Structures are given as C-alpha cells and as structure tokens.
C-alpha cells in the first residue's frame, strides 16, 4: 500500500495516481480516497486529544499577554491581518506579542525560552492566540495545528482560514469555544478580536467551555479510513514493515498513524528507503526536504 501524507495547504497534482490513500490537512479535488487527518497535531505541546482540560490551565485573568501571534512562515494575507489586529491592540492599550519569524507591525517582539517549535511557554501566558492559516485558495478546505496549540495551552484560539467545517464538523469542536474571524475584513476581524480581548469574563467563560461538542466526530473519521486500510492484504501478517518517506511525522504521532493504517495491533518495523516494505509512506513539503529520514528513525 502506498500512502501520501500532506500537512500543507496544497498537494502537487501530477502524482495523484501513484497512491492508494491520501491523509491530508487540505482537501484537494482529484486525490482519492482522501481523508482529513490531524497527524501532525499529535506532538507533546499540542496533543489534540487533550491531556489537560482547558480549565485546569492558568486562568485567563492571570495571563499577562493579551494577544499572541506565533508564526514560522510569513504570508502576506495573514501578516496583514496580524498587522491590523496589532494596530488596534496598541490603540486600545492591549499587549500584543509577536513570537516567531513573522512580526506584526505594532507588536512587542518576544521569544520563547526554547527553539523547539513544538513547545510554547508564552502560549501558557497568553489570553488569545492568533491561528491564522496560510491557505492557498478559499475553495480548498485546510486546517493546520494552530487552533490545537491554543486549545492545548488553555488560550482562546482566534481562527482565520478555510477549515471551519473541518474544525467543527469533522473534529467536533464547539463553535463557542473559540473566535472565528474568517468571514470578516481585516478591520472588522480586528474589531472582534479587540472586543473579546477587553472582555475578560467572556474569555474566562470560553476557557471553561469544553473544547469538543462531539467526542465521536474525530473517531468516526478515523473509522472511515480503517474501512479501507483494514481490507489490505498486509493485515494478514503479524509483523508489518513501514517505509517512512515523510520526515515531518513526530514519533509521538505513530500510535495515531498505526491506528489509521489498521496496524495498531501488529508489531511494526519502520524503515527508510526500503521499497519492499508492506506500506510505503511519502509526503509533500515545500520547505523542508523529504529526502532525509525522520530524526527518530
């Protein structure tokens, strides 16, 4: 079986026919069978299956940063939104912090104590975290790990992107647990953010809100994938070899991946550049090369 994993806003269309299964963060026409999956979200700092309830984190009223913008890849669309929010935040006496490669024009630059992008001490001290997607097209549903990072650190996600359906209907997130500014102009979006940032009581209520409206949505989506993978011939084997040609999979995400591939009850051996493996995994990433094996392998 040949599997394509994509956690970016697009997929190169020239190789659609090479794969038996697509597990993606962007739903693109032509890639079939294709399922949205949050594989990259399963990292120590922003595990989507919460290890800690939101109301067990530091209370909103005790957090020192009003709005946090944390982004490693700068994109004009989201940088303009962040600029407008930072401008209005400054005008209203709110603390707006930029903590990444991308700096909003009216923000306070501040950096995490670690260079590890998977951890974020500043997030635990922020009331709101901007989850601004770097989507390529308004017609392509795309959802990254950004909202999960805010949820997992007890902050209020401020979401802008094309993944509302994926977030609420596929993942089962309660719409009242976060602020969605996707349909507004930059100026209108900023006004909504500032209005909420000044309402500590409202933010506290949102922090107390259970993240998931439906705890079954995500599992139902996993089961749809397993209806395909559990029919594969490799299921008959006790030992499975998986060639990991996508280096951006974190080791902590392997149990999720194995559940999707219906090998969670098997003895699994991960290899690199072994074309005779039972399962071949490849992926697309426009920045980092996939020619190197994962660090954990």
C-alpha atoms as a PDB file:
ATOM      1  CA  UNK A   1       0.000   0.000   0.000  1.00  0.00           C
ATOM      2  CA  UNK A   2       1.272   3.454  -0.886  1.00  0.00           C
ATOM      3  CA  UNK A   3       0.159   6.359   1.330  1.00  0.00           C
ATOM      4  CA  UNK A   4       0.597  10.086   0.761  1.00  0.00           C
ATOM      5  CA  UNK A   5       0.651  12.324   3.852  1.00  0.00           C
ATOM      6  CA  UNK A   6       0.283  16.049   3.379  1.00  0.00           C
ATOM      7  CA  UNK A   7       0.102  18.692   6.082  1.00  0.00           C
ATOM      8  CA  UNK A   8       0.453  21.702   3.780  1.00  0.00           C
ATOM      9  CA  UNK A   9      -2.241  23.850   2.076  1.00  0.00           C
ATOM     10  CA  UNK A  10      -1.864  22.080  -1.262  1.00  0.00           C
ATOM     11  CA  UNK A  11      -0.778  18.845  -2.970  1.00  0.00           C
ATOM     12  CA  UNK A  12       1.164  18.596  -6.251  1.00  0.00           C
ATOM     13  CA  UNK A  13      -1.408  17.082  -8.675  1.00  0.00           C
ATOM     14  CA  UNK A  14       0.990  15.318 -11.037  1.00  0.00           C
ATOM     15  CA  UNK A  15       1.332  12.228  -8.838  1.00  0.00           C
ATOM     16  CA  UNK A  16      -2.238  11.632  -7.627  1.00  0.00           C
ATOM     17  CA  UNK A  17      -2.460   8.309  -9.428  1.00  0.00           C
ATOM     18  CA  UNK A  18       0.563   6.829  -7.648  1.00  0.00           C
ATOM     19  CA  UNK A  19      -1.124   6.453  -4.252  1.00  0.00           C
ATOM     20  CA  UNK A  20      -3.741   4.221  -2.648  1.00  0.00           C
ATOM     21  CA  UNK A  21      -4.624   6.617   0.173  1.00  0.00           C
ATOM     22  CA  UNK A  22      -4.293  10.317   0.987  1.00  0.00           C
ATOM     23  CA  UNK A  23      -4.175  11.550   4.601  1.00  0.00           C
ATOM     24  CA  UNK A  24      -4.149  15.327   4.349  1.00  0.00           C
ATOM     25  CA  UNK A  25      -4.700  18.674   6.042  1.00  0.00           C
ATOM     26  CA  UNK A  26      -6.090  20.148   2.802  1.00  0.00           C
ATOM     27  CA  UNK A  27      -8.994  18.584   0.911  1.00  0.00           C
ATOM     28  CA  UNK A  28      -7.975  18.765  -2.763  1.00  0.00           C
ATOM     29  CA  UNK A  29     -10.008  17.598  -5.754  1.00  0.00           C
ATOM     30  CA  UNK A  30      -8.526  14.641  -7.590  1.00  0.00           C
ATOM     31  CA  UNK A  31      -6.813  12.951  -4.652  1.00  0.00           C
ATOM     32  CA  UNK A  32      -8.897   9.867  -3.882  1.00  0.00           C
ATOM     33  CA  UNK A  33      -9.527   8.279  -1.459  1.00  0.00           C
ATOM     34  CA  UNK A  34      -8.737  11.310   0.688  1.00  0.00           C
ATOM     35  CA  UNK A  35      -9.378  11.986   4.366  1.00  0.00           C
ATOM     36  CA  UNK A  36      -8.593  14.923   6.600  1.00  0.00           C
ATOM     37  CA  UNK A  37      -6.251  13.830   9.377  1.00  0.00           C
ATOM     38  CA  UNK A  38      -4.558  15.710  12.192  1.00  0.00           C
ATOM     39  CA  UNK A  39      -1.441  13.545  12.305  1.00  0.00           C
ATOM     40  CA  UNK A  40       0.989  16.419  12.888  1.00  0.00           C
ATOM     41  CA  UNK A  41      -1.136  17.666  15.786  1.00  0.00           C
ATOM     42  CA  UNK A  42      -0.038  14.777  17.957  1.00  0.00           C
ATOM     43  CA  UNK A  43       3.001  16.433  19.483  1.00  0.00           C
ATOM     44  CA  UNK A  44       3.965  16.929  23.134  1.00  0.00           C
ATOM     45  CA  UNK A  45       2.844  20.573  23.359  1.00  0.00           C
ATOM     46  CA  UNK A  46      -0.372  20.468  21.357  1.00  0.00           C
ATOM     47  CA  UNK A  47      -1.771  16.993  21.507  1.00  0.00           C
ATOM     48  CA  UNK A  48      -5.265  17.267  20.065  1.00  0.00           C
ATOM     49  CA  UNK A  49      -6.561  14.615  22.449  1.00  0.00           C
ATOM     50  CA  UNK A  50      -6.178  16.875  25.447  1.00  0.00           C
ATOM     51  CA  UNK A  51      -4.139  15.547  28.332  1.00  0.00           C
ATOM     52  CA  UNK A  52      -5.239  18.521  30.404  1.00  0.00           C
ATOM     53  CA  UNK A  53      -8.672  20.149  30.439  1.00  0.00           C
ATOM     54  CA  UNK A  54      -8.683  23.798  29.430  1.00  0.00           C
ATOM     55  CA  UNK A  55      -9.964  24.941  32.805  1.00  0.00           C
ATOM     56  CA  UNK A  56      -7.007  23.228  34.501  1.00  0.00           C
ATOM     57  CA  UNK A  57      -4.614  25.663  32.838  1.00  0.00           C
ATOM     58  CA  UNK A  58      -3.652  29.117  34.102  1.00  0.00           C
ATOM     59  CA  UNK A  59      -6.839  31.251  34.309  1.00  0.00           C
ATOM     60  CA  UNK A  60      -7.344  33.892  31.628  1.00  0.00           C
ATOM     61  CA  UNK A  61      -7.358  36.717  34.186  1.00  0.00           C
ATOM     62  CA  UNK A  62      -3.865  35.762  35.379  1.00  0.00           C
ATOM     63  CA  UNK A  63      -2.256  35.746  31.921  1.00  0.00           C
ATOM     64  CA  UNK A  64      -0.018  38.677  31.013  1.00  0.00           C
ATOM     65  CA  UNK A  65      -0.179  38.629  27.192  1.00  0.00           C
ATOM     66  CA  UNK A  66      -3.478  39.734  25.665  1.00  0.00           C
ATOM     67  CA  UNK A  67      -2.820  38.530  22.097  1.00  0.00           C
ATOM     68  CA  UNK A  68      -0.034  36.272  20.817  1.00  0.00           C
ATOM     69  CA  UNK A  69       0.999  35.930  17.164  1.00  0.00           C
ATOM     70  CA  UNK A  70       3.332  32.995  16.581  1.00  0.00           C
ATOM     71  CA  UNK A  71       4.223  32.053  13.025  1.00  0.00           C
ATOM     72  CA  UNK A  72       7.281  30.482  11.397  1.00  0.00           C
ATOM     73  CA  UNK A  73       6.347  31.096   7.745  1.00  0.00           C
ATOM     74  CA  UNK A  74       5.401  34.632   6.766  1.00  0.00           C
ATOM     75  CA  UNK A  75       2.498  35.070   4.330  1.00  0.00           C
ATOM     76  CA  UNK A  76       1.116  38.409   3.161  1.00  0.00           C
ATOM     77  CA  UNK A  77      -2.541  37.549   3.799  1.00  0.00           C
ATOM     78  CA  UNK A  78      -2.161  36.593   7.437  1.00  0.00           C
ATOM     79  CA  UNK A  79       0.551  39.151   8.148  1.00  0.00           C
ATOM     80  CA  UNK A  80      -1.853  41.911   7.062  1.00  0.00           C
ATOM     81  CA  UNK A  81      -4.488  40.556   9.453  1.00  0.00           C
ATOM     82  CA  UNK A  82      -1.949  40.420  12.279  1.00  0.00           C
ATOM     83  CA  UNK A  83      -0.801  43.962  11.461  1.00  0.00           C
ATOM     84  CA  UNK A  84      -4.353  45.317  11.741  1.00  0.00           C
ATOM     85  CA  UNK A  85      -5.027  43.466  14.988  1.00  0.00           C
ATOM     86  CA  UNK A  86      -1.731  44.680  16.479  1.00  0.00           C
ATOM     87  CA  UNK A  87      -2.553  48.254  15.394  1.00  0.00           C
ATOM     88  CA  UNK A  88      -5.943  48.220  17.095  1.00  0.00           C
ATOM     89  CA  UNK A  89      -4.490  46.443  20.132  1.00  0.00           C
ATOM     90  CA  UNK A  90      -1.953  49.237  20.577  1.00  0.00           C
ATOM     91  CA  UNK A  91      -4.689  51.871  20.235  1.00  0.00           C
ATOM     92  CA  UNK A  92      -6.653  50.137  22.991  1.00  0.00           C
ATOM     93  CA  UNK A  93      -3.736  49.643  25.374  1.00  0.00           C
ATOM     94  CA  UNK A  94      -3.587  45.871  24.923  1.00  0.00           C
ATOM     95  CA  UNK A  95      -0.399  43.828  24.893  1.00  0.00           C
ATOM     96  CA  UNK A  96       0.190  42.215  21.505  1.00  0.00           C
ATOM     97  CA  UNK A  97       3.247  39.947  21.268  1.00  0.00           C
ATOM     98  CA  UNK A  98       4.889  38.500  18.144  1.00  0.00           C
ATOM     99  CA  UNK A  99       6.916  35.376  18.915  1.00  0.00           C
ATOM    100  CA  UNK A 100       8.204  33.858  15.712  1.00  0.00           C
ATOM    101  CA  UNK A 101       9.803  34.640  12.374  1.00  0.00           C
ATOM    102  CA  UNK A 102       6.897  36.912  11.426  1.00  0.00           C
ATOM    103  CA  UNK A 103       6.488  40.213  13.280  1.00  0.00           C
ATOM    104  CA  UNK A 104       3.284  42.289  13.263  1.00  0.00           C
ATOM    105  CA  UNK A 105       3.948  45.990  12.715  1.00  0.00           C
ATOM    106  CA  UNK A 106       2.667  47.236  16.083  1.00  0.00           C
ATOM    107  CA  UNK A 107       3.730  44.343  18.271  1.00  0.00           C
ATOM    108  CA  UNK A 108       6.166  43.606  21.051  1.00  0.00           C
ATOM    109  CA  UNK A 109       8.772  41.062  19.910  1.00  0.00           C
ATOM    110  CA  UNK A 110       9.232  38.306  22.458  1.00  0.00           C
ATOM    111  CA  UNK A 111      10.625  34.819  22.051  1.00  0.00           C
ATOM    112  CA  UNK A 112      10.030  31.504  23.728  1.00  0.00           C
ATOM    113  CA  UNK A 113      12.674  30.122  26.068  1.00  0.00           C
ATOM    114  CA  UNK A 114      13.207  27.220  23.685  1.00  0.00           C
ATOM    115  CA  UNK A 115      13.790  26.977  19.937  1.00  0.00           C
ATOM    116  CA  UNK A 116      11.676  23.843  19.846  1.00  0.00           C
ATOM    117  CA  UNK A 117       8.610  24.874  17.844  1.00  0.00           C
ATOM    118  CA  UNK A 118       6.559  22.153  19.485  1.00  0.00           C
ATOM    119  CA  UNK A 119       6.742  23.790  22.910  1.00  0.00           C
ATOM    120  CA  UNK A 120       5.498  27.253  23.852  1.00  0.00           C
ATOM    121  CA  UNK A 121       5.872  28.745  27.319  1.00  0.00           C
ATOM    122  CA  UNK A 122       4.475  32.059  26.034  1.00  0.00           C
ATOM    123  CA  UNK A 123       1.270  30.314  24.992  1.00  0.00           C
ATOM    124  CA  UNK A 124       0.511  29.363  28.598  1.00  0.00           C
ATOM    125  CA  UNK A 125       0.752  33.073  29.473  1.00  0.00           C
ATOM    126  CA  UNK A 126      -1.431  34.324  26.598  1.00  0.00           C
ATOM    127  CA  UNK A 127      -5.156  35.001  26.726  1.00  0.00           C
ATOM    128  CA  UNK A 128      -5.692  34.732  22.979  1.00  0.00           C
ATOM    129  CA  UNK A 129      -3.555  33.115  20.274  1.00  0.00           C
ATOM    130  CA  UNK A 130      -3.940  34.008  16.607  1.00  0.00           C
ATOM    131  CA  UNK A 131      -4.473  30.873  14.493  1.00  0.00           C
ATOM    132  CA  UNK A 132      -4.157  32.413  11.037  1.00  0.00           C
ATOM    133  CA  UNK A 133      -3.913  29.856   8.249  1.00  0.00           C
ATOM    134  CA  UNK A 134      -1.558  30.076   5.265  1.00  0.00           C
ATOM    135  CA  UNK A 135      -4.165  28.725   2.842  1.00  0.00           C
ATOM    136  CA  UNK A 136      -3.655  28.828  -0.932  1.00  0.00           C
ATOM    137  CA  UNK A 137      -7.274  29.071  -2.073  1.00  0.00           C
ATOM    138  CA  UNK A 138     -10.600  29.924  -0.462  1.00  0.00           C
ATOM    139  CA  UNK A 139     -12.008  26.884  -2.277  1.00  0.00           C
ATOM    140  CA  UNK A 140      -9.655  24.386  -0.605  1.00  0.00           C
ATOM    141  CA  UNK A 141     -10.616  23.401   2.977  1.00  0.00           C
ATOM    142  CA  UNK A 142      -7.395  23.435   5.007  1.00  0.00           C
ATOM    143  CA  UNK A 143      -6.795  23.087   8.724  1.00  0.00           C
ATOM    144  CA  UNK A 144      -3.386  23.148  10.401  1.00  0.00           C
ATOM    145  CA  UNK A 145      -2.318  22.515  14.001  1.00  0.00           C
ATOM    146  CA  UNK A 146      -2.670  26.190  15.002  1.00  0.00           C
ATOM    147  CA  UNK A 147      -6.066  26.047  16.742  1.00  0.00           C
ATOM    148  CA  UNK A 148      -4.956  22.900  18.575  1.00  0.00           C
ATOM    149  CA  UNK A 149      -1.922  24.702  20.014  1.00  0.00           C
ATOM    150  CA  UNK A 150      -4.150  27.362  21.567  1.00  0.00           C
ATOM    151  CA  UNK A 151      -6.682  24.849  22.902  1.00  0.00           C
ATOM    152  CA  UNK A 152      -3.948  22.671  24.397  1.00  0.00           C
ATOM    153  CA  UNK A 153      -2.423  25.590  26.310  1.00  0.00           C
ATOM    154  CA  UNK A 154      -5.697  26.945  27.691  1.00  0.00           C
ATOM    155  CA  UNK A 155      -5.781  30.020  25.452  1.00  0.00           C
ATOM    156  CA  UNK A 156      -8.608  31.212  23.205  1.00  0.00           C
ATOM    157  CA  UNK A 157      -7.904  30.455  19.522  1.00  0.00           C
ATOM    158  CA  UNK A 158      -8.616  33.284  17.085  1.00  0.00           C
ATOM    159  CA  UNK A 159      -9.170  31.400  13.850  1.00  0.00           C
ATOM    160  CA  UNK A 160      -8.938  32.680  10.275  1.00  0.00           C
ATOM    161  CA  UNK A 161      -8.899  30.208   7.408  1.00  0.00           C
ATOM    162  CA  UNK A 162     -10.876  27.816   5.238  1.00  0.00           C
ATOM    163  CA  UNK A 163     -11.073  24.964   7.734  1.00  0.00           C
ATOM    164  CA  UNK A 164     -14.170  25.845   9.771  1.00  0.00           C
ATOM    165  CA  UNK A 165     -16.029  22.763   8.512  1.00  0.00           C
ATOM    166  CA  UNK A 166     -13.050  20.529   9.303  1.00  0.00           C
ATOM    167  CA  UNK A 167     -12.647  22.072  12.743  1.00  0.00           C
ATOM    168  CA  UNK A 168     -16.291  21.904  13.804  1.00  0.00           C
ATOM    169  CA  UNK A 169     -17.904  19.102  11.785  1.00  0.00           C
ATOM    170  CA  UNK A 170     -15.007  16.669  11.313  1.00  0.00           C
ATOM    171  CA  UNK A 171     -13.119  17.284  14.563  1.00  0.00           C
ATOM    172  CA  UNK A 172     -16.233  18.132  16.587  1.00  0.00           C
ATOM    173  CA  UNK A 173     -15.046  21.429  18.117  1.00  0.00           C
ATOM    174  CA  UNK A 174     -17.654  23.571  19.874  1.00  0.00           C
ATOM    175  CA  UNK A 175     -18.018  26.897  17.942  1.00  0.00           C
ATOM    176  CA  UNK A 176     -18.458  28.762  21.229  1.00  0.00           C
ATOM    177  CA  UNK A 177     -15.017  27.657  22.445  1.00  0.00           C
ATOM    178  CA  UNK A 178     -13.070  29.846  20.016  1.00  0.00           C
ATOM    179  CA  UNK A 179     -13.329  33.079  17.992  1.00  0.00           C
ATOM    180  CA  UNK A 180     -13.788  32.639  14.239  1.00  0.00           C
ATOM    181  CA  UNK A 181     -12.915  35.753  12.181  1.00  0.00           C
ATOM    182  CA  UNK A 182     -12.727  34.006   8.795  1.00  0.00           C
ATOM    183  CA  UNK A 183     -15.654  35.857   7.191  1.00  0.00           C
ATOM    184  CA  UNK A 184     -14.638  39.375   8.177  1.00  0.00           C
ATOM    185  CA  UNK A 185     -12.483  42.014   6.547  1.00  0.00           C
ATOM    186  CA  UNK A 186      -9.166  42.675   8.274  1.00  0.00           C
ATOM    187  CA  UNK A 187     -10.504  45.776  10.017  1.00  0.00           C
ATOM    188  CA  UNK A 188     -13.735  44.067  11.096  1.00  0.00           C
ATOM    189  CA  UNK A 189     -11.825  40.986  12.240  1.00  0.00           C
ATOM    190  CA  UNK A 190      -9.523  43.121  14.367  1.00  0.00           C
ATOM    191  CA  UNK A 191     -12.506  44.860  15.990  1.00  0.00           C
ATOM    192  CA  UNK A 192     -13.977  41.496  17.002  1.00  0.00           C
ATOM    193  CA  UNK A 193     -10.620  40.397  18.447  1.00  0.00           C
ATOM    194  CA  UNK A 194     -10.179  43.622  20.436  1.00  0.00           C
ATOM    195  CA  UNK A 195     -13.756  43.471  21.703  1.00  0.00           C
ATOM    196  CA  UNK A 196     -13.170  39.972  23.070  1.00  0.00           C
ATOM    197  CA  UNK A 197      -9.705  40.843  24.401  1.00  0.00           C
ATOM    198  CA  UNK A 198     -11.271  43.537  26.567  1.00  0.00           C
ATOM    199  CA  UNK A 199     -13.904  41.160  27.945  1.00  0.00           C
ATOM    200  CA  UNK A 200     -12.088  39.003  30.486  1.00  0.00           C
ATOM    201  CA  UNK A 201     -15.333  37.496  31.779  1.00  0.00           C
ATOM    202  CA  UNK A 202     -16.302  36.291  28.300  1.00  0.00           C
ATOM    203  CA  UNK A 203     -12.852  34.813  27.667  1.00  0.00           C
ATOM    204  CA  UNK A 204     -12.982  33.060  31.032  1.00  0.00           C
ATOM    205  CA  UNK A 205     -16.319  31.509  30.037  1.00  0.00           C
ATOM    206  CA  UNK A 206     -14.828  30.356  26.728  1.00  0.00           C
ATOM    207  CA  UNK A 207     -11.862  28.823  28.546  1.00  0.00           C
ATOM    208  CA  UNK A 208     -14.307  26.907  30.744  1.00  0.00           C
ATOM    209  CA  UNK A 209     -16.193  25.649  27.682  1.00  0.00           C
ATOM    210  CA  UNK A 210     -15.483  22.055  26.750  1.00  0.00           C
ATOM    211  CA  UNK A 211     -13.479  22.064  23.502  1.00  0.00           C
ATOM    212  CA  UNK A 212     -15.365  19.242  21.838  1.00  0.00           C
ATOM    213  CA  UNK A 213     -19.070  19.492  21.115  1.00  0.00           C
ATOM    214  CA  UNK A 214     -18.817  15.954  19.752  1.00  0.00           C
ATOM    215  CA  UNK A 215     -16.263  13.453  21.043  1.00  0.00           C
ATOM    216  CA  UNK A 216     -17.214  10.949  18.341  1.00  0.00           C
ATOM    217  CA  UNK A 217     -16.615  13.043  15.192  1.00  0.00           C
ATOM    218  CA  UNK A 218     -12.876  12.507  15.086  1.00  0.00           C
ATOM    219  CA  UNK A 219     -13.158   8.770  15.766  1.00  0.00           C
ATOM    220  CA  UNK A 220     -15.807   8.415  13.073  1.00  0.00           C
ATOM    221  CA  UNK A 221     -13.388   9.945  10.593  1.00  0.00           C
ATOM    222  CA  UNK A 222     -10.642   7.540  11.704  1.00  0.00           C
ATOM    223  CA  UNK A 223     -13.047   4.624  11.262  1.00  0.00           C
ATOM    224  CA  UNK A 224     -13.723   5.662   7.669  1.00  0.00           C
ATOM    225  CA  UNK A 225     -10.003   5.382   6.950  1.00  0.00           C
ATOM    226  CA  UNK A 226      -9.830   1.997   8.655  1.00  0.00           C
ATOM    227  CA  UNK A 227     -12.654   0.691   6.476  1.00  0.00           C
ATOM    228  CA  UNK A 228     -10.113   0.924   3.651  1.00  0.00           C
ATOM    229  CA  UNK A 229      -6.845   0.018   5.380  1.00  0.00           C
ATOM    230  CA  UNK A 230      -8.248  -2.945   7.308  1.00  0.00           C
ATOM    231  CA  UNK A 231      -9.063  -4.596   3.973  1.00  0.00           C
ATOM    232  CA  UNK A 232      -5.459  -4.512   2.772  1.00  0.00           C
ATOM    233  CA  UNK A 233      -3.562  -7.792   2.327  1.00  0.00           C
ATOM    234  CA  UNK A 234      -0.843  -6.859   4.842  1.00  0.00           C
ATOM    235  CA  UNK A 235      -3.409  -7.224   7.642  1.00  0.00           C
ATOM    236  CA  UNK A 236      -2.883 -10.979   7.486  1.00  0.00           C
ATOM    237  CA  UNK A 237       0.707 -10.569   8.709  1.00  0.00           C
ATOM    238  CA  UNK A 238       1.799 -10.359  12.362  1.00  0.00           C
ATOM    239  CA  UNK A 239       4.814  -8.190  11.542  1.00  0.00           C
ATOM    240  CA  UNK A 240       4.476  -5.118   9.336  1.00  0.00           C
ATOM    241  CA  UNK A 241       7.222  -3.032   7.735  1.00  0.00           C
ATOM    242  CA  UNK A 242       6.513   0.637   7.077  1.00  0.00           C
ATOM    243  CA  UNK A 243       8.849   2.708   4.916  1.00  0.00           C
ATOM    244  CA  UNK A 244       8.753   6.245   6.350  1.00  0.00           C
ATOM    245  CA  UNK A 245       9.447   8.617   3.479  1.00  0.00           C
ATOM    246  CA  UNK A 246       7.823  11.617   5.175  1.00  0.00           C
ATOM    247  CA  UNK A 247      10.214  13.049   7.731  1.00  0.00           C
ATOM    248  CA  UNK A 248       7.807  15.502   9.399  1.00  0.00           C
ATOM    249  CA  UNK A 249       5.963  12.822  11.346  1.00  0.00           C
ATOM    250  CA  UNK A 250       6.734  13.116  15.047  1.00  0.00           C
ATOM    251  CA  UNK A 251       7.400   9.886  16.929  1.00  0.00           C
ATOM    252  CA  UNK A 252       4.555  10.661  19.327  1.00  0.00           C
ATOM    253  CA  UNK A 253       2.162  10.600  16.341  1.00  0.00           C
ATOM    254  CA  UNK A 254       2.958   6.990  15.421  1.00  0.00           C
ATOM    255  CA  UNK A 255       0.150   5.429  17.522  1.00  0.00           C
ATOM    256  CA  UNK A 256      -2.359   7.598  15.637  1.00  0.00           C
ATOM    257  CA  UNK A 257      -0.809   6.692  12.288  1.00  0.00           C
ATOM    258  CA  UNK A 258      -0.816   2.993  13.159  1.00  0.00           C
ATOM    259  CA  UNK A 259      -4.484   3.166  14.133  1.00  0.00           C
ATOM    260  CA  UNK A 260      -5.295   4.753  10.770  1.00  0.00           C
ATOM    261  CA  UNK A 261      -3.343   2.088   8.887  1.00  0.00           C
ATOM    262  CA  UNK A 262      -5.016  -0.697  10.901  1.00  0.00           C
ATOM    263  CA  UNK A 263      -1.683  -1.934  12.246  1.00  0.00           C
ATOM    264  CA  UNK A 264      -2.143  -0.786  15.848  1.00  0.00           C
ATOM    265  CA  UNK A 265      -2.315  -4.437  16.994  1.00  0.00           C
ATOM    266  CA  UNK A 266       0.710  -5.517  14.954  1.00  0.00           C
ATOM    267  CA  UNK A 267       4.444  -5.499  15.515  1.00  0.00           C
ATOM    268  CA  UNK A 268       5.643  -2.618  13.329  1.00  0.00           C
ATOM    269  CA  UNK A 269       9.154  -2.072  11.995  1.00  0.00           C
ATOM    270  CA  UNK A 270       9.851   1.345  10.463  1.00  0.00           C
ATOM    271  CA  UNK A 271      12.374   1.524   7.638  1.00  0.00           C
ATOM    272  CA  UNK A 272      13.778   4.140   5.273  1.00  0.00           C
ATOM    273  CA  UNK A 273      14.221   3.736   1.519  1.00  0.00           C
ATOM    274  CA  UNK A 274      13.007   0.151   1.562  1.00  0.00           C
ATOM    275  CA  UNK A 275      10.652  -0.199  -1.449  1.00  0.00           C
ATOM    276  CA  UNK A 276       9.739  -3.771  -0.496  1.00  0.00           C
ATOM    277  CA  UNK A 277       8.010  -2.636   2.723  1.00  0.00           C
ATOM    278  CA  UNK A 278       4.351  -3.529   3.271  1.00  0.00           C
ATOM    279  CA  UNK A 279       3.392   0.144   3.498  1.00  0.00           C
ATOM    280  CA  UNK A 280       5.181   2.974   1.693  1.00  0.00           C
ATOM    281  CA  UNK A 281       4.648   6.464   3.101  1.00  0.00           C
ATOM    282  CA  UNK A 282       5.570   9.592   1.194  1.00  0.00           C
ATOM    283  CA  UNK A 283       4.696  13.242   1.638  1.00  0.00           C
ATOM    284  CA  UNK A 284       4.962  16.737   0.291  1.00  0.00           C
ATOM    285  CA  UNK A 285       6.574  19.694   1.995  1.00  0.00           C
ATOM    286  CA  UNK A 286       7.591  22.793   0.037  1.00  0.00           C
ATOM    287  CA  UNK A 287      10.211  23.962   2.545  1.00  0.00           C
ATOM    288  CA  UNK A 288      11.946  21.010   4.166  1.00  0.00           C
ATOM    289  CA  UNK A 289      13.297  18.180   2.067  1.00  0.00           C
ATOM    290  CA  UNK A 290      11.717  14.760   2.423  1.00  0.00           C
ATOM    291  CA  UNK A 291      14.858  13.012   1.229  1.00  0.00           C
ATOM    292  CA  UNK A 292      16.170  12.641   4.754  1.00  0.00           C
ATOM    293  CA  UNK A 293      14.746  10.140   7.192  1.00  0.00           C
ATOM    294  CA  UNK A 294      12.925  11.243  10.356  1.00  0.00           C
ATOM    295  CA  UNK A 295      15.181  12.090  13.301  1.00  0.00           C
ATOM    296  CA  UNK A 296      13.682   9.319  15.421  1.00  0.00           C
ATOM    297  CA  UNK A 297      14.279   6.577  12.825  1.00  0.00           C
END
